[in-house]
């Protein structure tokens, strides 16, 4: 299966972004960010079920338009020409990408390093971002950390969420 791709550059780094080839009427746009040391290849198995749910036992109302960008310096993207491509900067680039693709509302998902980018997007709250899903918890309440680690949490190990 082939997917359209582009290499936007005005964000400061050229990265590859693939989009689903099936645009379903009223499908919710979803940008998914891969992890480290991965690439968009690890996401290809979800393209069918998310873009064509009826072929996988779901409802057409559950369809997404997917955007699968490759993190700068990973897989199919160029090595950044300057330092500073932290999760916050990548999050801003993803928001700009979604705007350029014409999406006025969308959701985001990330795992591993992609979770850091998606978390940054949520904190930046760009216009159009409706919600996020993370499959790597990067911040959690101190009480949860204490329960996970038997009450012993080294100072400064985790971000604190109140």
Foldseek 3Di string as FASTA:
>chain_A
DDFDWDFDPPLQWTWIKTKQPADQVPAAEEEEEEAPQDFCVVVVVCRCCQAPVVVVVDDSNRHYIYIYIGQAPHDRTDNGPDDDSALLSVLVVVLVVCVVVPQQAHEYEYEHSGLSNNVSNVVVVDGRYPYYYYPDDQEDAPVVVCVVVVNDDPPPPGDHDD
